[in-house]
Amino acid sequence: MKELTVKETAKRLLEAGDAYILIHRSPDGDCIGSGYALATALRSMGKRAKVLCNDAIPERYNFMLPKEDTADDFEPDIIISVDVADEKLFGESLLEKYAGKTDLCIDHHISNTGYAKELCLDGKAAAACQVVYEILKEMGTCITRKIAICLYTGIATDTGCFMYDNVSPRTLRIAAEIMEQHKDIPYAIINRNMFIVKSMGRMKLDKILIEQLESYIDGKCMLVCITKELMEKYSIDESELEGIAGFPLQVEGVQVGIVLKEREDNVFRISMRSADNVNVSEICQKFGGGGHAKAAGCCIESTAEEAKKMLVDAVMKGMQK
């Protein structure tokens, strides 16, 4: 694996031909935004570019997608991943086709496993979209309205609408530059739709989540477990689970929040968030995952009760550091 600077990555992309752009399963605003911003930029240069995802893009992000994305299949000259720290996060269908084949990874996760042949990593960037913005500027690419919408949304969603402590002065300057270039974009509406508006199903889910909250370590760790049985009982749609990772941290006094989501029988996807000094990336790495110091994830194959015990024990040790 060779590490590239932003300047070197820009040169690499300018010289590259047609591209497949891979984003992670259960796509969020940052991977969608960085993927489609990059694809749009490459297409503007006459290259063919296609964003591939294991899962369907949630409807709430449709405003970022091209009106027509029906590019014929083509053989890519380069395979790029954005916002993917580990190729296992591609999901089964993409992993089956592209394991070990990523030419270039553009990322901001300090836990990146170095699976790509070349890596452009900025662990201090608040979002992959921030890194993509820097690359596009270095390439001399025009930040069009469509690209701006993708980049702004990705940065906003990965920073909790600029609330998290991953926000740096550079993050705010990039957002300001985007807003100055495209004053007609309805940024307030984007923020409202991303952070305030909820479906009725999601409103009902919040009530269920409150009932399912479990307190550990004298209230410093709050956990919620969403089993397949629970989802079936309350007719919870998978798409309504997006964005719940920070839910346990809303409780006063909580330092670490944990969400377990059962994808298959006794296979749980874990999302962990830290409100204080506990490094949840280090904790998740013990279970084969990773991420950021205050936002990370992993996967555990066990019963729900065993998974809870392992995670809480790991958090307790992390708090003692």
Protein backbone atom coordinates (compact mmCIF):
# COMPACT_ATOMS: atom_id res chain seq x y z
CA MET A 1 0.00 0.00 0.00
CA LYS A 2 1.34 3.41 -1.01
CA GLU A 3 0.21 6.57 0.76
CA LEU A 4 -0.60 9.55 -1.43
CA THR A 5 -0.91 13.24 -0.65
CA VAL A 6 -3.88 15.24 -1.85
CA LYS A 7 -1.71 16.64 -4.67
CA GLU A 8 -0.55 13.17 -5.73
CA THR A 9 -4.13 11.87 -5.60
CA ALA A 10 -5.33 14.72 -7.78
CA LYS A 11 -2.63 13.88 -10.35
CA ARG A 12 -3.58 10.20 -10.18
CA LEU A 13 -7.24 10.96 -10.88
CA LEU A 14 -6.45 13.37 -13.71
CA GLU A 15 -4.41 10.67 -15.41
CA ALA A 16 -6.88 7.85 -14.70
CA GLY A 17 -9.56 6.68 -17.08
CA ASP A 18 -13.04 5.32 -16.38
CA ALA A 19 -13.80 4.56 -12.74
CA TYR A 20 -15.94 2.47 -10.45
CA ILE A 21 -16.45 4.20 -7.10
CA LEU A 22 -17.27 1.88 -4.19
CA ILE A 23 -19.03 3.08 -1.03
CA HIS A 24 -19.84 1.18 2.15
CA ARG A 25 -22.94 -0.84 2.96
CA SER A 26 -25.72 0.90 4.90
CA PRO A 27 -24.73 4.11 3.10
CA ASP A 28 -24.78 7.43 4.94
CA GLY A 29 -24.57 11.03 3.82
CA ASP A 30 -20.77 11.15 3.75
CA CYS A 31 -20.10 8.10 1.60
CA ILE A 32 -23.00 8.96 -0.73
CA GLY A 33 -21.92 12.59 -0.98
CA SER A 34 -18.23 11.85 -1.56
CA GLY A 35 -19.01 9.05 -4.02
CA TYR A 36 -21.39 11.05 -6.20
CA ALA A 37 -19.37 14.27 -5.96
CA LEU A 38 -16.32 12.42 -7.25
CA ALA A 39 -18.33 10.62 -9.95
CA THR A 40 -19.85 13.89 -11.14
CA ALA A 41 -16.42 15.53 -11.27
CA LEU A 42 -14.90 12.66 -13.28
CA ARG A 43 -17.82 12.69 -15.71
CA SER A 44 -17.31 16.41 -16.25
CA MET A 45 -13.84 15.52 -17.54
CA GLY A 46 -15.23 13.09 -20.09
CA LYS A 47 -14.54 9.96 -18.07
CA ARG A 48 -17.13 7.32 -17.30
CA ALA A 49 -17.79 6.90 -13.59
CA LYS A 50 -20.23 4.74 -11.66
CA VAL A 51 -21.01 4.61 -7.92
CA LEU A 52 -21.56 1.08 -6.60
CA CYS A 53 -23.13 0.18 -3.26
CA ASN A 54 -24.12 -3.13 -1.71
CA ASP A 55 -27.37 -1.63 -0.36
CA ALA A 56 -30.03 0.66 -1.76
CA ILE A 57 -29.53 4.39 -1.19
CA PRO A 58 -32.09 5.60 1.41
CA GLU A 59 -34.80 7.77 -0.12
CA ARG A 60 -33.90 10.77 2.05
CA TYR A 61 -30.68 11.11 0.04
CA ASN A 62 -32.29 10.99 -3.39
CA PHE A 63 -31.78 14.73 -3.84
CA MET A 64 -28.03 14.05 -4.16
CA LEU A 65 -28.36 11.46 -6.89
CA PRO A 66 -28.28 12.20 -10.63
CA LYS A 67 -31.70 12.35 -12.26
CA GLU A 68 -30.47 9.68 -14.62
CA ASP A 69 -27.74 7.30 -13.53
CA THR A 70 -28.15 4.68 -16.21
CA ALA A 71 -24.59 4.53 -17.52
CA ASP A 72 -23.94 1.41 -19.54
CA ASP A 73 -21.70 -1.18 -17.94
CA PHE A 74 -18.05 -0.61 -18.73
CA GLU A 75 -14.72 -2.05 -17.74
CA PRO A 76 -13.11 0.40 -15.27
CA ASP A 77 -9.52 1.55 -15.57
CA ILE A 78 -9.48 2.32 -11.86
CA ILE A 79 -11.48 1.13 -8.86
CA ILE A 80 -11.80 3.76 -6.14
CA SER A 81 -13.33 3.53 -2.68
CA VAL A 82 -14.43 6.53 -0.64
CA ASP A 83 -15.17 6.66 3.10
CA VAL A 84 -14.47 2.92 3.51
CA ALA A 85 -11.96 2.07 6.24
CA ASP A 86 -12.01 -1.69 5.65
CA GLU A 87 -13.03 -3.58 2.53
CA LYS A 88 -15.23 -5.81 4.71
CA LEU A 89 -17.52 -2.78 4.93
CA PHE A 90 -18.33 -3.05 1.22
CA GLY A 91 -20.94 -5.69 2.00
CA GLU A 92 -21.22 -9.19 0.61
CA SER A 93 -22.06 -8.51 -3.04
CA LEU A 94 -19.32 -5.91 -3.59
CA LEU A 95 -16.80 -7.83 -1.50
CA GLU A 96 -17.34 -10.91 -3.63
CA LYS A 97 -16.52 -8.95 -6.79
CA TYR A 98 -13.93 -6.45 -5.63
CA ALA A 99 -12.03 -7.89 -2.65
CA GLY A 100 -8.36 -7.07 -3.13
CA LYS A 101 -9.05 -5.02 -6.27
CA THR A 102 -9.28 -1.46 -4.93
CA ASP A 103 -6.70 0.72 -6.67
CA LEU A 104 -7.25 3.91 -4.68
CA CYS A 105 -8.94 4.62 -1.35
CA ILE A 106 -9.90 8.14 -0.26
CA ASP A 107 -10.72 8.17 3.45
CA HIS A 108 -10.70 10.00 6.79
CA HIS A 109 -10.80 7.05 9.21
CA ILE A 110 -7.66 6.62 11.31
CA SER A 111 -8.46 2.89 11.52
CA ASN A 112 -8.11 2.41 7.73
CA THR A 113 -6.65 -1.06 7.16
CA GLY A 114 -4.61 -0.13 4.08
CA TYR A 115 -6.45 -2.60 1.84
CA ALA A 116 -6.11 -0.46 -1.32
CA LYS A 117 -3.02 -0.27 -3.51
CA GLU A 118 -2.92 3.49 -2.90
CA LEU A 119 -4.38 5.47 -0.01
CA CYS A 120 -5.17 9.15 0.43
CA LEU A 121 -5.96 9.43 4.14
CA ASP A 122 -6.57 12.53 6.21
CA GLY A 123 -7.40 11.35 9.70
CA LYS A 124 -8.01 14.93 10.85
CA ALA A 125 -10.70 15.59 8.24
CA ALA A 126 -14.24 15.66 9.62
CA ALA A 127 -15.62 13.77 6.61
CA ALA A 128 -14.53 11.99 3.46
CA CYS A 129 -16.30 14.80 1.61
CA GLN A 130 -13.79 17.22 3.11
CA VAL A 131 -10.93 15.18 1.61
CA VAL A 132 -12.71 14.92 -1.75
CA TYR A 133 -13.22 18.70 -1.77
CA GLU A 134 -9.49 19.26 -1.26
CA ILE A 135 -8.69 16.80 -4.09
CA LEU A 136 -11.16 18.37 -6.51
CA LYS A 137 -9.77 21.84 -5.79
CA GLU A 138 -6.25 20.55 -6.45
CA MET A 139 -7.50 19.04 -9.73
CA GLY A 140 -8.87 22.40 -10.79
CA THR A 141 -12.37 20.96 -10.98
CA CYS A 142 -15.30 23.36 -11.03
CA ILE A 143 -17.39 22.79 -7.90
CA THR A 144 -20.77 22.75 -9.62
CA ARG A 145 -24.07 23.09 -7.81
CA LYS A 146 -24.61 19.31 -7.87
CA ILE A 147 -21.13 18.63 -6.50
CA ALA A 148 -21.61 21.33 -3.85
CA ILE A 149 -24.87 19.75 -2.65
CA CYS A 150 -23.16 16.37 -2.29
CA LEU A 151 -20.13 17.74 -0.47
CA TYR A 152 -22.07 20.00 1.88
CA THR A 153 -24.51 17.23 2.83
CA GLY A 154 -21.69 14.77 3.48
CA ILE A 155 -19.81 17.19 5.70
CA ALA A 156 -22.96 18.27 7.56
CA THR A 157 -24.13 14.72 8.28
CA ASP A 158 -20.72 13.46 9.44
CA THR A 159 -20.36 16.41 11.83
CA GLY A 160 -23.86 16.33 13.29
CA CYS A 161 -24.59 19.63 11.56
CA PHE A 162 -21.18 20.97 12.68
CA MET A 163 -21.82 20.01 16.31
CA TYR A 164 -19.23 17.24 16.82
CA ASP A 165 -15.68 17.90 17.93
CA ASN A 166 -14.31 16.53 14.64
CA VAL A 167 -15.11 19.98 13.21
CA SER A 168 -12.00 22.07 12.56
CA PRO A 169 -11.57 25.62 11.29
CA ARG A 170 -10.82 24.09 7.86
CA THR A 171 -14.11 22.18 7.95
CA LEU A 172 -16.02 25.41 8.53
CA ARG A 173 -14.03 27.25 5.86
CA ILE A 174 -14.84 24.56 3.29
CA ALA A 175 -18.54 24.76 4.15
CA ALA A 176 -18.34 28.54 3.89
CA GLU A 177 -16.56 28.34 0.52
CA ILE A 178 -19.27 26.04 -0.80
CA MET A 179 -22.03 28.33 0.49
CA GLU A 180 -20.35 31.40 -0.98
CA GLN A 181 -20.06 29.78 -4.41
CA HIS A 182 -23.65 28.52 -4.45
CA LYS A 183 -25.88 30.86 -2.47
CA ASP A 184 -29.03 29.42 -4.07
CA ILE A 185 -28.69 25.97 -2.49
CA PRO A 186 -31.32 25.59 0.30
CA TYR A 187 -28.84 24.72 3.07
CA ALA A 188 -31.40 25.28 5.84
CA ILE A 189 -33.81 22.84 4.18
CA ILE A 190 -31.04 20.25 3.79
CA ASN A 191 -30.19 20.61 7.49
CA ARG A 192 -33.84 20.36 8.51
CA ASN A 193 -34.40 17.22 6.42
CA MET A 194 -31.19 15.59 7.65
CA PHE A 195 -31.48 16.40 11.36
CA ILE A 196 -35.03 17.35 12.32
CA VAL A 197 -37.65 15.80 10.04
CA LYS A 198 -38.58 12.20 10.87
CA SER A 199 -41.10 9.80 9.41
CA MET A 200 -44.00 8.74 11.62
CA GLY A 201 -42.42 5.30 11.73
CA ARG A 202 -39.19 6.79 13.05
CA MET A 203 -41.10 8.81 15.67
CA LYS A 204 -42.68 5.58 16.90
CA LEU A 205 -39.24 3.92 16.80
CA ASP A 206 -37.83 6.59 19.13
CA LYS A 207 -40.47 5.66 21.70
CA ILE A 208 -39.51 1.99 21.37
CA LEU A 209 -35.81 2.83 21.70
CA ILE A 210 -36.44 4.69 24.95
CA GLU A 211 -38.20 1.60 26.30
CA GLN A 212 -35.27 -0.61 25.20
CA LEU A 213 -32.48 1.51 26.73
CA GLU A 214 -30.25 -0.34 29.20
CA SER A 215 -27.97 1.43 31.67
CA TYR A 216 -24.52 0.14 32.68
CA ILE A 217 -21.47 1.34 34.64
CA ASP A 218 -23.46 3.64 36.93
CA GLY A 219 -25.22 5.28 34.02
CA LYS A 220 -21.99 6.12 32.15
CA CYS A 221 -22.74 3.58 29.43
CA MET A 222 -26.15 3.35 27.75
CA LEU A 223 -27.03 0.54 25.37
CA VAL A 224 -29.91 -0.32 23.07
CA CYS A 225 -30.27 -3.66 21.29
CA ILE A 226 -32.47 -3.99 18.21
CA THR A 227 -33.11 -7.63 17.44
CA LYS A 228 -34.80 -9.11 14.39
CA GLU A 229 -37.62 -10.17 16.71
CA LEU A 230 -38.09 -6.57 17.87
CA MET A 231 -38.14 -5.28 14.30
CA GLU A 232 -40.74 -7.85 13.28
CA LYS A 233 -42.87 -7.21 16.38
CA TYR A 234 -43.11 -3.47 15.72
CA SER A 235 -42.83 -3.62 11.90
CA ILE A 236 -39.66 -1.54 11.91
CA ASP A 237 -38.21 -0.92 8.47
CA GLU A 238 -34.41 -1.18 8.10
CA SER A 239 -34.25 2.33 6.62
CA GLU A 240 -35.73 3.80 9.81
CA LEU A 241 -32.68 2.66 11.79
CA GLU A 242 -30.38 5.10 10.02
CA GLY A 243 -28.88 7.72 12.31
CA ILE A 244 -29.73 6.05 15.62
CA ALA A 245 -26.10 5.49 16.62
CA GLY A 246 -26.04 8.65 18.72
CA PHE A 247 -29.40 7.99 20.40
CA PRO A 248 -28.01 6.57 23.70
CA LEU A 249 -25.72 9.61 24.09
CA GLN A 250 -28.77 11.86 24.45
CA VAL A 251 -29.15 10.65 28.04
CA GLU A 252 -27.55 13.02 30.53
CA GLY A 253 -24.32 11.73 32.09
CA VAL A 254 -23.65 9.06 29.45
CA GLN A 255 -20.03 8.79 28.28
CA VAL A 256 -20.40 5.87 25.84
CA GLY A 257 -23.46 4.87 23.83
CA ILE A 258 -23.81 1.48 22.16
CA VAL A 259 -26.34 0.36 19.55
CA LEU A 260 -26.60 -3.29 18.53
CA LYS A 261 -28.52 -4.12 15.34
CA GLU A 262 -29.15 -7.75 14.44
CA ARG A 263 -28.65 -8.17 10.69
CA GLU A 264 -28.82 -11.97 10.67
CA ASP A 265 -29.55 -14.51 13.39
CA ASN A 266 -27.02 -13.81 16.16
CA VAL A 267 -24.97 -11.47 13.96
CA PHE A 268 -24.93 -7.93 15.36
CA ARG A 269 -23.63 -4.72 13.81
CA ILE A 270 -22.33 -2.49 16.58
CA SER A 271 -22.26 1.31 16.53
CA MET A 272 -20.43 2.98 19.39
CA ARG A 273 -20.24 6.68 20.24
CA SER A 274 -18.21 8.52 22.87
CA ALA A 275 -19.17 11.83 24.46
CA ASP A 276 -15.99 12.22 26.47
CA ASN A 277 -12.44 10.84 26.48
CA VAL A 278 -13.13 7.15 25.86
CA ASN A 279 -11.60 6.02 22.55
CA VAL A 280 -14.31 3.81 21.05
CA SER A 281 -12.20 3.11 17.96
CA GLU A 282 -9.71 1.23 20.13
CA ILE A 283 -12.57 -0.72 21.71
CA CYS A 284 -14.11 -1.67 18.36
CA GLN A 285 -10.72 -2.69 16.98
CA LYS A 286 -10.67 -5.47 19.57
CA PHE A 287 -13.69 -6.92 17.78
CA GLY A 288 -12.29 -6.49 14.27
CA GLY A 289 -13.79 -3.05 13.67
CA GLY A 290 -12.67 0.53 14.05
CA GLY A 291 -13.45 4.08 13.04
CA HIS A 292 -12.85 7.35 14.85
CA ALA A 293 -11.97 7.99 18.47
CA LYS A 294 -15.53 9.09 19.21
CA ALA A 295 -17.48 7.18 16.55
CA ALA A 296 -16.71 3.60 15.62
CA GLY A 297 -18.26 0.24 14.83
CA CYS A 298 -17.70 -3.47 14.55
CA CYS A 299 -19.54 -6.76 14.07
CA ILE A 300 -20.07 -9.49 16.66
CA GLU A 301 -21.42 -12.99 16.06
CA SER A 302 -23.00 -14.26 19.28
CA THR A 303 -26.21 -14.10 21.24
CA ALA A 304 -27.45 -10.66 22.21
CA GLU A 305 -26.67 -11.17 25.89
CA GLU A 306 -23.12 -12.37 25.17
CA ALA A 307 -22.51 -9.43 22.84
CA LYS A 308 -23.75 -6.96 25.45
CA LYS A 309 -21.48 -8.42 28.12
CA MET A 310 -18.41 -8.37 25.88
CA LEU A 311 -19.04 -4.78 24.82
CA VAL A 312 -19.78 -3.42 28.28
CA ASP A 313 -16.70 -5.17 29.71
CA ALA A 314 -14.58 -3.63 26.94
CA VAL A 315 -16.04 -0.18 27.59
CA MET A 316 -15.35 -0.50 31.31
CA LYS A 317 -11.69 -1.29 30.58
CA GLY A 318 -11.58 1.62 28.14
CA MET A 319 -12.87 3.98 30.80
CA GLN A 320 -10.16 2.88 33.20
CA LYS A 321 -7.35 3.98 30.85
